[in-house]
Amino acid sequence: QVRVVESGGGLVQPGGSLRLSCAASGSIFSIYAMDWYRQAPGKQRELVGTITSGGRTNYADSVKGRFTISRDNAKNTVYTVYLQMNSLKPEDTAVYSCTARLNSRNFWGQGTQVTVSS
């Protein structure tokens, strides 16, 4: 079992920055990738980006060059992944969720709201 908790959302002006955190606890050494998703009202959920256990990252075209995923090496029983978001646009407004991928299943967090507005 893995527990996933996101934090760091909020209101930011266009052009601003925000950093989201995703803390995974429990069977963290079984995690082979962590993903960030987002879902805006009335839209389908979108994969924002991924970081693998080997540290490789990939991003959706819509955020490439503006968003960066990084991680802390697992400490004790917590593994933290970050989503650094720069040059934010109103269309980035969404609920951002993190998921931990294990061979058995994926574990989701509750999500955190990001609103980009002046």
C-alpha atoms as a PDB file:
ATOM      1  CA  GLN A   1       0.000   0.000   0.000  1.00  0.00           C
ATOM      2  CA  VAL A   2       1.109   3.535  -0.766  1.00  0.00           C
ATOM      3  CA  ARG A   3      -0.371   6.794   0.495  1.00  0.00           C
ATOM      4  CA  VAL A   4      -0.042   9.807  -1.784  1.00  0.00           C
ATOM      5  CA  VAL A   5      -0.543  13.388  -0.628  1.00  0.00           C
ATOM      6  CA  GLU A   6      -0.225  16.496  -2.791  1.00  0.00           C
ATOM      7  CA  SER A   7       0.339  20.026  -1.522  1.00  0.00           C
ATOM      8  CA  GLY A   8       1.326  23.470  -2.723  1.00  0.00           C
ATOM      9  CA  GLY A   9      -1.637  24.532  -4.813  1.00  0.00           C
ATOM     10  CA  GLY A  10      -3.111  28.011  -4.715  1.00  0.00           C
ATOM     11  CA  LEU A  11      -3.887  31.170  -6.617  1.00  0.00           C
ATOM     12  CA  VAL A  12      -1.174  32.707  -8.787  1.00  0.00           C
ATOM     13  CA  GLN A  13      -1.117  35.471 -11.374  1.00  0.00           C
ATOM     14  CA  PRO A  14      -0.415  34.747 -15.042  1.00  0.00           C
ATOM     15  CA  GLY A  15       3.319  34.532 -15.615  1.00  0.00           C
ATOM     16  CA  GLY A  16       3.907  33.450 -12.044  1.00  0.00           C
ATOM     17  CA  SER A  17       5.353  30.278 -10.575  1.00  0.00           C
ATOM     18  CA  LEU A  18       4.210  27.604  -8.189  1.00  0.00           C
ATOM     19  CA  ARG A  19       5.744  24.418  -6.878  1.00  0.00           C
ATOM     20  CA  LEU A  20       3.629  21.404  -6.058  1.00  0.00           C
ATOM     21  CA  SER A  21       4.785  18.553  -3.867  1.00  0.00           C
ATOM     22  CA  CYS A  22       3.713  14.929  -3.884  1.00  0.00           C
ATOM     23  CA  ALA A  23       4.694  12.810  -0.884  1.00  0.00           C
ATOM     24  CA  ALA A  24       4.379   9.041  -1.181  1.00  0.00           C
ATOM     25  CA  SER A  25       4.639   6.855   1.915  1.00  0.00           C
ATOM     26  CA  GLY A  26       4.344   3.144   2.587  1.00  0.00           C
ATOM     27  CA  SER A  27       5.736   0.607   0.103  1.00  0.00           C
ATOM     28  CA  ILE A  28       7.721   3.294  -1.710  1.00  0.00           C
ATOM     29  CA  PHE A  29      10.483   0.982  -2.912  1.00  0.00           C
ATOM     30  CA  SER A  30       7.938  -0.743  -5.151  1.00  0.00           C
ATOM     31  CA  ILE A  31       7.210   2.513  -7.000  1.00  0.00           C
ATOM     32  CA  TYR A  32       8.611   2.506 -10.542  1.00  0.00           C
ATOM     33  CA  ALA A  33       7.192   5.853 -11.698  1.00  0.00           C
ATOM     34  CA  MET A  34       5.306   8.892 -10.459  1.00  0.00           C
ATOM     35  CA  ASP A  35       2.952  10.877 -12.654  1.00  0.00           C
ATOM     36  CA  TRP A  36       1.399  14.314 -12.429  1.00  0.00           C
ATOM     37  CA  TYR A  37      -2.066  14.727 -13.932  1.00  0.00           C
ATOM     38  CA  ARG A  38      -4.421  17.658 -14.127  1.00  0.00           C
ATOM     39  CA  GLN A  39      -8.098  18.089 -14.805  1.00  0.00           C
ATOM     40  CA  ALA A  40      -9.806  21.359 -15.603  1.00  0.00           C
ATOM     41  CA  PRO A  41     -13.576  21.781 -15.215  1.00  0.00           C
ATOM     42  CA  GLY A  42     -15.404  20.208 -18.138  1.00  0.00           C
ATOM     43  CA  LYS A  43     -12.235  18.721 -19.595  1.00  0.00           C
ATOM     44  CA  GLN A  44     -10.658  15.298 -19.635  1.00  0.00           C
ATOM     45  CA  ARG A  45      -7.833  14.469 -17.291  1.00  0.00           C
ATOM     46  CA  GLU A  46      -4.464  15.202 -18.864  1.00  0.00           C
ATOM     47  CA  LEU A  47      -1.095  13.622 -18.128  1.00  0.00           C
ATOM     48  CA  VAL A  48       1.257  16.505 -17.330  1.00  0.00           C
ATOM     49  CA  GLY A  49       4.447  14.561 -16.874  1.00  0.00           C
ATOM     50  CA  THR A  50       6.244  11.563 -15.429  1.00  0.00           C
ATOM     51  CA  ILE A  51       9.392  10.793 -13.510  1.00  0.00           C
ATOM     52  CA  THR A  52      10.663   7.209 -13.379  1.00  0.00           C
ATOM     53  CA  SER A  53      12.541   5.499 -10.563  1.00  0.00           C
ATOM     54  CA  GLY A  54      15.663   5.984 -12.685  1.00  0.00           C
ATOM     55  CA  GLY A  55      15.069   9.726 -12.798  1.00  0.00           C
ATOM     56  CA  ARG A  56      13.943  10.011 -16.413  1.00  0.00           C
ATOM     57  CA  THR A  57      11.271  12.604 -17.102  1.00  0.00           C
ATOM     58  CA  ASN A  58       8.863  13.366 -19.893  1.00  0.00           C
ATOM     59  CA  TYR A  59       6.246  16.060 -20.315  1.00  0.00           C
ATOM     60  CA  ALA A  60       3.109  16.914 -22.212  1.00  0.00           C
ATOM     61  CA  ASP A  61       3.716  19.279 -25.097  1.00  0.00           C
ATOM     62  CA  SER A  62       1.462  21.842 -23.442  1.00  0.00           C
ATOM     63  CA  VAL A  63       3.865  22.256 -20.501  1.00  0.00           C
ATOM     64  CA  LYS A  64       7.230  21.417 -22.021  1.00  0.00           C
ATOM     65  CA  GLY A  65       9.787  24.122 -21.268  1.00  0.00           C
ATOM     66  CA  ARG A  66       7.646  25.591 -18.478  1.00  0.00           C
ATOM     67  CA  PHE A  67       7.156  22.718 -16.008  1.00  0.00           C
ATOM     68  CA  THR A  68       9.843  20.580 -14.405  1.00  0.00           C
ATOM     69  CA  ILE A  69       9.473  17.397 -12.373  1.00  0.00           C
ATOM     70  CA  SER A  70      12.128  16.534  -9.820  1.00  0.00           C
ATOM     71  CA  ARG A  71      12.417  14.305  -6.781  1.00  0.00           C
ATOM     72  CA  ASP A  72      14.065  13.780  -3.449  1.00  0.00           C
ATOM     73  CA  ASN A  73      15.752  10.440  -2.939  1.00  0.00           C
ATOM     74  CA  ALA A  74      13.583   8.337  -0.670  1.00  0.00           C
ATOM     75  CA  LYS A  75      14.194   9.207   2.952  1.00  0.00           C
ATOM     76  CA  ASN A  76      13.054   6.744   5.547  1.00  0.00           C
ATOM     77  CA  THR A  77       9.598   5.873   4.300  1.00  0.00           C
ATOM     78  CA  VAL A  78       8.756   9.005   2.294  1.00  0.00           C
ATOM     79  CA  TYR A  79       9.428   9.641  -1.378  1.00  0.00           C
ATOM     80  CA  THR A  80       8.742  13.190  -2.569  1.00  0.00           C
ATOM     81  CA  VAL A  81       8.254  14.376  -6.122  1.00  0.00           C
ATOM     82  CA  TYR A  82       7.915  18.019  -7.137  1.00  0.00           C
ATOM     83  CA  LEU A  83       6.238  19.822 -10.005  1.00  0.00           C
ATOM     84  CA  GLN A  84       7.819  23.219 -10.590  1.00  0.00           C
ATOM     85  CA  MET A  85       5.498  25.322 -12.732  1.00  0.00           C
ATOM     86  CA  ASN A  86       6.798  28.522 -14.326  1.00  0.00           C
ATOM     87  CA  SER A  87       5.276  31.009 -16.761  1.00  0.00           C
ATOM     88  CA  LEU A  88       1.826  29.926 -15.690  1.00  0.00           C
ATOM     89  CA  LYS A  89      -1.134  30.633 -17.935  1.00  0.00           C
ATOM     90  CA  PRO A  90      -4.850  30.799 -17.172  1.00  0.00           C
ATOM     91  CA  GLU A  91      -5.285  27.558 -19.107  1.00  0.00           C
ATOM     92  CA  ASP A  92      -3.084  25.819 -16.541  1.00  0.00           C
ATOM     93  CA  THR A  93      -5.915  26.207 -14.035  1.00  0.00           C
ATOM     94  CA  ALA A  94      -6.919  22.716 -12.885  1.00  0.00           C
ATOM     95  CA  VAL A  95      -6.864  20.223 -10.075  1.00  0.00           C
ATOM     96  CA  TYR A  96      -3.411  18.648 -10.098  1.00  0.00           C
ATOM     97  CA  SER A  97      -3.086  15.063  -8.901  1.00  0.00           C
ATOM     98  CA  CYS A  98      -0.179  12.757  -8.373  1.00  0.00           C
ATOM     99  CA  THR A  99      -0.111   9.020  -8.826  1.00  0.00           C
ATOM    100  CA  ALA A 100       2.387   6.391  -7.744  1.00  0.00           C
ATOM    101  CA  ARG A 101       2.740   3.508 -10.156  1.00  0.00           C
ATOM    102  CA  LEU A 102       3.479   0.035  -8.798  1.00  0.00           C
ATOM    103  CA  ASN A 103       3.312  -3.293 -10.608  1.00  0.00           C
ATOM    104  CA  SER A 104       0.190  -4.181  -8.665  1.00  0.00           C
ATOM    105  CA  ARG A 105      -1.754  -0.939  -9.150  1.00  0.00           C
ATOM    106  CA  ASN A 106      -1.620   2.836  -9.133  1.00  0.00           C
ATOM    107  CA  PHE A 107      -2.215   4.919  -6.022  1.00  0.00           C
ATOM    108  CA  TRP A 108      -3.730   8.384  -6.313  1.00  0.00           C
ATOM    109  CA  GLY A 109      -3.646  11.450  -4.129  1.00  0.00           C
ATOM    110  CA  GLN A 110      -6.611  13.699  -3.450  1.00  0.00           C
ATOM    111  CA  GLY A 111      -5.402  16.509  -5.704  1.00  0.00           C
ATOM    112  CA  THR A 112      -4.587  20.158  -5.168  1.00  0.00           C
ATOM    113  CA  GLN A 113      -6.228  23.138  -6.864  1.00  0.00           C
ATOM    114  CA  VAL A 114      -4.130  25.496  -8.974  1.00  0.00           C
ATOM    115  CA  THR A 115      -5.810  28.687 -10.176  1.00  0.00           C
ATOM    116  CA  VAL A 116      -4.052  31.070 -12.531  1.00  0.00           C
ATOM    117  CA  SER A 117      -5.866  34.376 -12.622  1.00  0.00           C
ATOM    118  CA  SER A 118      -5.291  38.087 -12.315  1.00  0.00           C
END
